[in-house]
Amino acid sequence: MSEYIISINIQKLSEGGYLATSDSIQGLVAQGRTIAETMEIAQDVAKKLLESYVEHGDPLPGNMVPSTGLIKNVKIPVSVMV
C-alpha cells in the first residue's frame, strides 16, 4: 500500500459548512459541517477515487506526491472560546 500527499482547497459556504475540492484529483468534492469533518470526508473520497484509478488500470494523476513520512507546513484551524 502506498500513501500520497494531495492538496485540497476548503472554502466556507455562505449557507453554512465547508466545501473541499482538489487540484490534484479531478472529481474530488467533499462537504462537511466543520473543517475537520470536511477534511475527513475529502480523505475518504480521495482514497475511493485513487482506488478506482488502480482498479481500472489508469495511471494516477501526475501531480501526486508520495508521502515521505514527514509532512511540512500544514495549517490547521483551532477554535477557542474567548
PDB file of N, CA and C in Angstrom:
ATOM      1  N   MET A   1       0.846  -1.162   0.000  1.00  0.00           N
ATOM      2  CA  MET A   1       0.000   0.000   0.000  1.00  0.00           C
ATOM      3  C   MET A   1       0.898   1.233   0.000  1.00  0.00           C
ATOM      4  N   SER A   2       0.566   2.201  -0.854  1.00  0.00           N
ATOM      5  CA  SER A   2       1.311   3.456  -0.935  1.00  0.00           C
ATOM      6  C   SER A   2       0.476   4.585  -0.351  1.00  0.00           C
ATOM      7  N   GLU A   3       1.164   5.589   0.122  1.00  0.00           N
ATOM      8  CA  GLU A   3       0.487   6.761   0.670  1.00  0.00           C
ATOM      9  C   GLU A   3       0.949   7.980  -0.103  1.00  0.00           C
ATOM     10  N   TYR A   4       0.003   8.854  -0.436  1.00  0.00           N
ATOM     11  CA  TYR A   4       0.298  10.055  -1.203  1.00  0.00           C
ATOM     12  C   TYR A   4      -0.195  11.287  -0.464  1.00  0.00           C
ATOM     13  N   ILE A   5       0.439  12.400  -0.734  1.00  0.00           N
ATOM     14  CA  ILE A   5       0.019  13.696  -0.199  1.00  0.00           C
ATOM     15  C   ILE A   5      -0.704  14.422  -1.326  1.00  0.00           C
ATOM     16  N   ILE A   6      -1.909  14.907  -1.050  1.00  0.00           N
ATOM     17  CA  ILE A   6      -2.641  15.687  -2.046  1.00  0.00           C
ATOM     18  C   ILE A   6      -2.997  17.043  -1.447  1.00  0.00           C
ATOM     19  N   SER A   7      -3.199  17.995  -2.302  1.00  0.00           N
ATOM     20  CA  SER A   7      -3.636  19.325  -1.859  1.00  0.00           C
ATOM     21  C   SER A   7      -5.141  19.415  -2.002  1.00  0.00           C
ATOM     22  N   ILE A   8      -5.773  20.014  -1.002  1.00  0.00           N
ATOM     23  CA  ILE A   8      -7.198  20.292  -1.116  1.00  0.00           C
ATOM     24  C   ILE A   8      -7.424  21.766  -0.806  1.00  0.00           C
ATOM     25  N   ASN A   9      -8.488  22.286  -1.373  1.00  0.00           N
ATOM     26  CA  ASN A   9      -8.911  23.661  -1.128  1.00  0.00           C
ATOM     27  C   ASN A   9     -10.214  23.598  -0.356  1.00  0.00           C
ATOM     28  N   ILE A  10     -10.288  24.325   0.752  1.00  0.00           N
ATOM     29  CA  ILE A  10     -11.509  24.321   1.569  1.00  0.00           C
ATOM     30  C   ILE A  10     -12.048  25.734   1.623  1.00  0.00           C
ATOM     31  N   GLN A  11     -13.332  25.859   1.322  1.00  0.00           N
ATOM     32  CA  GLN A  11     -13.967  27.174   1.418  1.00  0.00           C
ATOM     33  C   GLN A  11     -15.193  27.101   2.299  1.00  0.00           C
ATOM     34  N   LYS A  12     -15.418  28.179   3.025  1.00  0.00           N
ATOM     35  CA  LYS A  12     -16.596  28.280   3.886  1.00  0.00           C
ATOM     36  C   LYS A  12     -17.782  28.623   3.000  1.00  0.00           C
ATOM     37  N   LEU A  13     -18.883  27.907   3.178  1.00  0.00           N
ATOM     38  CA  LEU A  13     -20.081  28.136   2.394  1.00  0.00           C
ATOM     39  C   LEU A  13     -20.978  29.157   3.081  1.00  0.00           C
ATOM     40  N   SER A  14     -21.613  30.017   2.305  1.00  0.00           N
ATOM     41  CA  SER A  14     -22.469  31.063   2.885  1.00  0.00           C
ATOM     42  C   SER A  14     -23.665  30.467   3.623  1.00  0.00           C
ATOM     43  N   GLU A  15     -24.150  29.311   3.184  1.00  0.00           N
ATOM     44  CA  GLU A  15     -25.285  28.666   3.848  1.00  0.00           C
ATOM     45  C   GLU A  15     -24.860  27.814   5.041  1.00  0.00           C
ATOM     46  N   GLY A  16     -23.566  27.793   5.331  1.00  0.00           N
ATOM     47  CA  GLY A  16     -23.041  27.023   6.453  1.00  0.00           C
ATOM     48  C   GLY A  16     -22.266  25.815   5.970  1.00  0.00           C
ATOM     49  N   GLY A  17     -21.315  25.402   6.731  1.00  0.00           N
ATOM     50  CA  GLY A  17     -20.498  24.255   6.378  1.00  0.00           C
ATOM     51  C   GLY A  17     -19.334  24.652   5.489  1.00  0.00           C
ATOM     52  N   TYR A  18     -18.643  23.634   4.997  1.00  0.00           N
ATOM     53  CA  TYR A  18     -17.425  23.836   4.218  1.00  0.00           C
ATOM     54  C   TYR A  18     -17.431  22.909   3.010  1.00  0.00           C
ATOM     55  N   LEU A  19     -16.735  23.335   1.956  1.00  0.00           N
ATOM     56  CA  LEU A  19     -16.633  22.557   0.722  1.00  0.00           C
ATOM     57  C   LEU A  19     -15.165  22.368   0.384  1.00  0.00           C
ATOM     58  N   ALA A  20     -14.779  21.128   0.111  1.00  0.00           N
ATOM     59  CA  ALA A  20     -13.402  20.829  -0.271  1.00  0.00           C
ATOM     60  C   ALA A  20     -13.369  20.353  -1.717  1.00  0.00           C
ATOM     61  N   THR A  21     -12.392  20.848  -2.463  1.00  0.00           N
ATOM     62  CA  THR A  21     -12.108  20.384  -3.815  1.00  0.00           C
ATOM     63  C   THR A  21     -10.600  20.187  -3.912  1.00  0.00           C
ATOM     64  N   SER A  22     -10.153  19.612  -5.011  1.00  0.00           N
ATOM     65  CA  SER A  22      -8.726  19.365  -5.155  1.00  0.00           C
ATOM     66  C   SER A  22      -8.266  19.657  -6.567  1.00  0.00           C
ATOM     67  N   ASP A  23      -7.113  20.313  -6.672  1.00  0.00           N
ATOM     68  CA  ASP A  23      -6.464  20.493  -7.965  1.00  0.00           C
ATOM     69  C   ASP A  23      -5.665  19.238  -8.321  1.00  0.00           C
ATOM     70  N   SER A  24      -5.396  18.395  -7.332  1.00  0.00           N
ATOM     71  CA  SER A  24      -4.609  17.181  -7.546  1.00  0.00           C
ATOM     72  C   SER A  24      -5.430  16.041  -8.126  1.00  0.00           C
ATOM     73  N   ILE A  25      -6.680  15.912  -7.675  1.00  0.00           N
ATOM     74  CA  ILE A  25      -7.536  14.798  -8.100  1.00  0.00           C
ATOM     75  C   ILE A  25      -8.837  15.363  -8.653  1.00  0.00           C
ATOM     76  N   GLN A  26      -8.993  15.264  -9.964  1.00  0.00           N
ATOM     77  CA  GLN A  26     -10.214  15.748 -10.592  1.00  0.00           C
ATOM     78  C   GLN A  26     -11.415  14.958 -10.066  1.00  0.00           C
ATOM     79  N   GLY A  27     -12.487  15.657  -9.732  1.00  0.00           N
ATOM     80  CA  GLY A  27     -13.693  14.995  -9.249  1.00  0.00           C
ATOM     81  C   GLY A  27     -13.804  14.918  -7.748  1.00  0.00           C
ATOM     82  N   LEU A  28     -12.761  15.331  -7.019  1.00  0.00           N
ATOM     83  CA  LEU A  28     -12.840  15.287  -5.565  1.00  0.00           C
ATOM     84  C   LEU A  28     -13.666  16.476  -5.086  1.00  0.00           C
ATOM     85  N   VAL A  29     -14.797  16.175  -4.490  1.00  0.00           N
ATOM     86  CA  VAL A  29     -15.676  17.176  -3.895  1.00  0.00           C
ATOM     87  C   VAL A  29     -16.183  16.597  -2.585  1.00  0.00           C
ATOM     88  N   ALA A  30     -16.037  17.356  -1.502  1.00  0.00           N
ATOM     89  CA  ALA A  30     -16.489  16.884  -0.188  1.00  0.00           C
ATOM     90  C   ALA A  30     -17.080  18.061   0.567  1.00  0.00           C
ATOM     91  N   GLN A  31     -18.158  17.798   1.295  1.00  0.00           N
ATOM     92  CA  GLN A  31     -18.802  18.850   2.074  1.00  0.00           C
ATOM     93  C   GLN A  31     -19.027  18.345   3.492  1.00  0.00           C
ATOM     94  N   GLY A  32     -18.771  19.215   4.474  1.00  0.00           N
ATOM     95  CA  GLY A  32     -18.968  18.850   5.863  1.00  0.00           C
ATOM     96  C   GLY A  32     -19.389  20.046   6.693  1.00  0.00           C
ATOM     97  N   ARG A  33     -19.767  19.761   7.930  1.00  0.00           N
ATOM     98  CA  ARG A  33     -20.213  20.832   8.839  1.00  0.00           C
ATOM     99  C   ARG A  33     -19.048  21.622   9.418  1.00  0.00           C
ATOM    100  N   THR A  34     -17.916  20.948   9.606  1.00  0.00           N
ATOM    101  CA  THR A  34     -16.724  21.600  10.153  1.00  0.00           C
ATOM    102  C   THR A  34     -15.558  21.360   9.204  1.00  0.00           C
ATOM    103  N   ILE A  35     -14.483  22.108   9.410  1.00  0.00           N
ATOM    104  CA  ILE A  35     -13.302  21.897   8.574  1.00  0.00           C
ATOM    105  C   ILE A  35     -12.759  20.490   8.780  1.00  0.00           C
ATOM    106  N   ALA A  36     -12.704  20.045  10.035  1.00  0.00           N
ATOM    107  CA  ALA A  36     -12.180  18.702  10.331  1.00  0.00           C
ATOM    108  C   ALA A  36     -13.020  17.627   9.655  1.00  0.00           C
ATOM    109  N   GLU A  37     -14.340  17.747   9.747  1.00  0.00           N
ATOM    110  CA  GLU A  37     -15.217  16.764   9.108  1.00  0.00           C
ATOM    111  C   GLU A  37     -15.042  16.803   7.592  1.00  0.00           C
ATOM    112  N   THR A  38     -14.923  17.992   7.027  1.00  0.00           N
ATOM    113  CA  THR A  38     -14.738  18.130   5.580  1.00  0.00           C
ATOM    114  C   THR A  38     -13.433  17.488   5.138  1.00  0.00           C
ATOM    115  N   MET A  39     -12.368  17.680   5.914  1.00  0.00           N
ATOM    116  CA  MET A  39     -11.081  17.062   5.587  1.00  0.00           C
ATOM    117  C   MET A  39     -11.169  15.538   5.653  1.00  0.00           C
ATOM    118  N   GLU A  40     -11.870  15.019   6.656  1.00  0.00           N
ATOM    119  CA  GLU A  40     -12.026  13.568   6.788  1.00  0.00           C
ATOM    120  C   GLU A  40     -12.798  12.992   5.598  1.00  0.00           C
ATOM    121  N   ILE A  41     -13.868  13.658   5.212  1.00  0.00           N
ATOM    122  CA  ILE A  41     -14.661  13.197   4.067  1.00  0.00           C
ATOM    123  C   ILE A  41     -13.829  13.289   2.788  1.00  0.00           C
ATOM    124  N   ALA A  42     -13.073  14.382   2.628  1.00  0.00           N
ATOM    125  CA  ALA A  42     -12.229  14.550   1.441  1.00  0.00           C
ATOM    126  C   ALA A  42     -11.184  13.440   1.355  1.00  0.00           C
ATOM    127  N   GLN A  43     -10.635  13.058   2.486  1.00  0.00           N
ATOM    128  CA  GLN A  43      -9.650  11.979   2.509  1.00  0.00           C
ATOM    129  C   GLN A  43     -10.278  10.662   2.045  1.00  0.00           C
ATOM    130  N   ASP A  44     -11.493  10.401   2.502  1.00  0.00           N
ATOM    131  CA  ASP A  44     -12.188   9.181   2.108  1.00  0.00           C
ATOM    132  C   ASP A  44     -12.534   9.198   0.614  1.00  0.00           C
ATOM    133  N   VAL A  45     -12.999  10.342   0.127  1.00  0.00           N
ATOM    134  CA  VAL A  45     -13.328  10.461  -1.301  1.00  0.00           C
ATOM    135  C   VAL A  45     -12.064  10.286  -2.145  1.00  0.00           C
ATOM    136  N   ALA A  46     -10.952  10.912  -1.733  1.00  0.00           N
ATOM    137  CA  ALA A  46      -9.691  10.777  -2.459  1.00  0.00           C
ATOM    138  C   ALA A  46      -9.260   9.311  -2.525  1.00  0.00           C
ATOM    139  N   LYS A  47      -9.378   8.608  -1.413  1.00  0.00           N
ATOM    140  CA  LYS A  47      -8.999   7.189  -1.377  1.00  0.00           C
ATOM    141  C   LYS A  47      -9.831   6.383  -2.360  1.00  0.00           C
ATOM    142  N   LYS A  48     -11.141   6.622  -2.378  1.00  0.00           N
ATOM    143  CA  LYS A  48     -12.016   5.888  -3.292  1.00  0.00           C
ATOM    144  C   LYS A  48     -11.704   6.218  -4.746  1.00  0.00           C
ATOM    145  N   LEU A  49     -11.434   7.483  -5.045  1.00  0.00           N
ATOM    146  CA  LEU A  49     -11.099   7.865  -6.416  1.00  0.00           C
ATOM    147  C   LEU A  49      -9.786   7.218  -6.859  1.00  0.00           C
ATOM    148  N   LEU A  50      -8.766   7.242  -5.994  1.00  0.00           N
ATOM    149  CA  LEU A  50      -7.483   6.646  -6.354  1.00  0.00           C
ATOM    150  C   LEU A  50      -7.581   5.133  -6.478  1.00  0.00           C
ATOM    151  N   GLU A  51      -8.371   4.501  -5.619  1.00  0.00           N
ATOM    152  CA  GLU A  51      -8.582   3.053  -5.745  1.00  0.00           C
ATOM    153  C   GLU A  51      -9.265   2.722  -7.065  1.00  0.00           C
ATOM    154  N   SER A  52     -10.148   3.598  -7.530  1.00  0.00           N
ATOM    155  CA  SER A  52     -10.814   3.403  -8.814  1.00  0.00           C
ATOM    156  C   SER A  52      -9.807   3.496  -9.967  1.00  0.00           C
ATOM    157  N   TYR A  53      -8.870   4.457  -9.876  1.00  0.00           N
ATOM    158  CA  TYR A  53      -7.815   4.547 -10.894  1.00  0.00           C
ATOM    159  C   TYR A  53      -7.074   3.222 -10.989  1.00  0.00           C
ATOM    160  N   VAL A  54      -6.648   2.707  -9.837  1.00  0.00           N
ATOM    161  CA  VAL A  54      -5.866   1.470  -9.787  1.00  0.00           C
ATOM    162  C   VAL A  54      -6.691   0.295 -10.311  1.00  0.00           C
ATOM    163  N   GLU A  55      -7.935   0.193  -9.852  1.00  0.00           N
ATOM    164  CA  GLU A  55      -8.814  -0.911 -10.252  1.00  0.00           C
ATOM    165  C   GLU A  55      -9.021  -0.948 -11.765  1.00  0.00           C
ATOM    166  N   HIS A  56      -9.089   0.216 -12.393  1.00  0.00           N
ATOM    167  CA  HIS A  56      -9.322   0.280 -13.835  1.00  0.00           C
ATOM    168  C   HIS A  56      -8.035   0.328 -14.653  1.00  0.00           C
ATOM    169  N   GLY A  57      -6.895   0.247 -13.980  1.00  0.00           N
ATOM    170  CA  GLY A  57      -5.614   0.242 -14.675  1.00  0.00           C
ATOM    171  C   GLY A  57      -5.199   1.601 -15.208  1.00  0.00           C
ATOM    172  N   ASP A  58      -5.814   2.667 -14.691  1.00  0.00           N
ATOM    173  CA  ASP A  58      -5.469   4.019 -15.124  1.00  0.00           C
ATOM    174  C   ASP A  58      -4.290   4.535 -14.305  1.00  0.00           C
ATOM    175  N   PRO A  59      -3.439   5.360 -14.916  1.00  0.00           N
ATOM    176  CA  PRO A  59      -2.336   5.938 -14.133  1.00  0.00           C
ATOM    177  C   PRO A  59      -2.864   6.950 -13.125  1.00  0.00           C
ATOM    178  N   LEU A  60      -2.182   7.047 -12.010  1.00  0.00           N
ATOM    179  CA  LEU A  60      -2.537   8.057 -11.012  1.00  0.00           C
ATOM    180  C   LEU A  60      -2.227   9.435 -11.585  1.00  0.00           C
ATOM    181  N   PRO A  61      -2.938  10.461 -11.135  1.00  0.00           N
ATOM    182  CA  PRO A  61      -2.642  11.812 -11.624  1.00  0.00           C
ATOM    183  C   PRO A  61      -1.162  12.138 -11.456  1.00  0.00           C
ATOM    184  N   GLY A  62      -0.599  12.848 -12.420  1.00  0.00           N
ATOM    185  CA  GLY A  62       0.834  13.135 -12.444  1.00  0.00           C
ATOM    186  C   GLY A  62       1.321  14.023 -11.317  1.00  0.00           C
ATOM    187  N   ASN A  63       0.424  14.778 -10.712  1.00  0.00           N
ATOM    188  CA  ASN A  63       0.858  15.689  -9.652  1.00  0.00           C
ATOM    189  C   ASN A  63       0.736  15.083  -8.259  1.00  0.00           C
ATOM    190  N   MET A  64       0.597  13.775  -8.178  1.00  0.00           N
ATOM    191  CA  MET A  64       0.541  13.092  -6.888  1.00  0.00           C
ATOM    192  C   MET A  64       1.947  13.014  -6.309  1.00  0.00           C
ATOM    193  N   VAL A  65       2.073  13.297  -5.007  1.00  0.00           N
ATOM    194  CA  VAL A  65       3.369  13.279  -4.335  1.00  0.00           C
ATOM    195  C   VAL A  65       3.375  12.149  -3.313  1.00  0.00           C
ATOM    196  N   PRO A  66       4.295  11.172  -3.470  1.00  0.00           N
ATOM    197  CA  PRO A  66       4.376  10.105  -2.468  1.00  0.00           C
ATOM    198  C   PRO A  66       4.725  10.684  -1.101  1.00  0.00           C
ATOM    199  N   SER A  67       4.127  10.115  -0.068  1.00  0.00           N
ATOM    200  CA  SER A  67       4.400  10.552   1.302  1.00  0.00           C
ATOM    201  C   SER A  67       5.793  10.104   1.703  1.00  0.00           C
ATOM    202  N   THR A  68       6.522  11.003   2.337  1.00  0.00           N
ATOM    203  CA  THR A  68       7.869  10.665   2.809  1.00  0.00           C
ATOM    204  C   THR A  68       7.872  10.377   4.304  1.00  0.00           C
ATOM    205  N   GLY A  69       6.692  10.425   4.911  1.00  0.00           N
ATOM    206  CA  GLY A  69       6.611  10.217   6.345  1.00  0.00           C
ATOM    207  C   GLY A  69       6.699  11.518   7.121  1.00  0.00           C
ATOM    208  N   LEU A  70       7.083  12.603   6.442  1.00  0.00           N
ATOM    209  CA  LEU A  70       7.170  13.911   7.076  1.00  0.00           C
ATOM    210  C   LEU A  70       6.340  14.885   6.267  1.00  0.00           C
ATOM    211  N   ILE A  71       5.360  15.478   6.895  1.00  0.00           N
ATOM    212  CA  ILE A  71       4.501  16.445   6.224  1.00  0.00           C
ATOM    213  C   ILE A  71       4.825  17.818   6.800  1.00  0.00           C
ATOM    214  N   LYS A  72       5.159  18.760   5.933  1.00  0.00           N
ATOM    215  CA  LYS A  72       5.591  20.083   6.374  1.00  0.00           C
ATOM    216  C   LYS A  72       4.533  21.135   6.084  1.00  0.00           C
ATOM    217  N   ASN A  73       4.579  22.190   6.858  1.00  0.00           N
ATOM    218  CA  ASN A  73       3.785  23.394   6.630  1.00  0.00           C
ATOM    219  C   ASN A  73       2.287  23.113   6.522  1.00  0.00           C
ATOM    220  N   VAL A  74       1.762  22.350   7.443  1.00  0.00           N
ATOM    221  CA  VAL A  74       0.333  22.063   7.490  1.00  0.00           C
ATOM    222  C   VAL A  74      -0.333  23.100   8.374  1.00  0.00           C
ATOM    223  N   LYS A  75      -1.392  23.690   7.880  1.00  0.00           N
ATOM    224  CA  LYS A  75      -2.134  24.666   8.657  1.00  0.00           C
ATOM    225  C   LYS A  75      -3.429  24.016   9.140  1.00  0.00           C
ATOM    226  N   ILE A  76      -3.726  24.156  10.426  1.00  0.00           N
ATOM    227  CA  ILE A  76      -4.944  23.568  10.973  1.00  0.00           C
ATOM    228  C   ILE A  76      -5.731  24.646  11.701  1.00  0.00           C
ATOM    229  N   PRO A  77      -7.049  24.552  11.644  1.00  0.00           N
ATOM    230  CA  PRO A  77      -7.862  25.511  12.386  1.00  0.00           C
ATOM    231  C   PRO A  77      -7.982  25.087  13.858  1.00  0.00           C
ATOM    232  N   VAL A  78      -8.001  26.058  14.738  1.00  0.00           N
ATOM    233  CA  VAL A  78      -8.184  25.788  16.160  1.00  0.00           C
ATOM    234  C   VAL A  78      -9.259  26.755  16.680  1.00  0.00           C
ATOM    235  N   SER A  79     -10.343  26.213  17.196  1.00  0.00           N
ATOM    236  CA  SER A  79     -11.426  27.039  17.744  1.00  0.00           C
ATOM    237  C   SER A  79     -11.189  27.296  19.216  1.00  0.00           C
ATOM    238  N   VAL A  80     -11.330  28.554  19.619  1.00  0.00           N
ATOM    239  CA  VAL A  80     -11.120  28.929  21.016  1.00  0.00           C
ATOM    240  C   VAL A  80     -12.263  29.843  21.426  1.00  0.00           C
ATOM    241  N   MET A  81     -12.895  29.520  22.542  1.00  0.00           N
ATOM    242  CA  MET A  81     -13.939  30.385  23.104  1.00  0.00           C
ATOM    243  C   MET A  81     -13.261  31.482  23.905  1.00  0.00           C
ATOM    244  N   VAL A  82     -13.476  32.728  23.512  1.00  0.00           N
ATOM    245  CA  VAL A  82     -12.858  33.845  24.247  1.00  0.00           C
ATOM    246  C   VAL A  82     -13.933  34.771  24.765  1.00  0.00           C
TER     247      VAL A  82
END
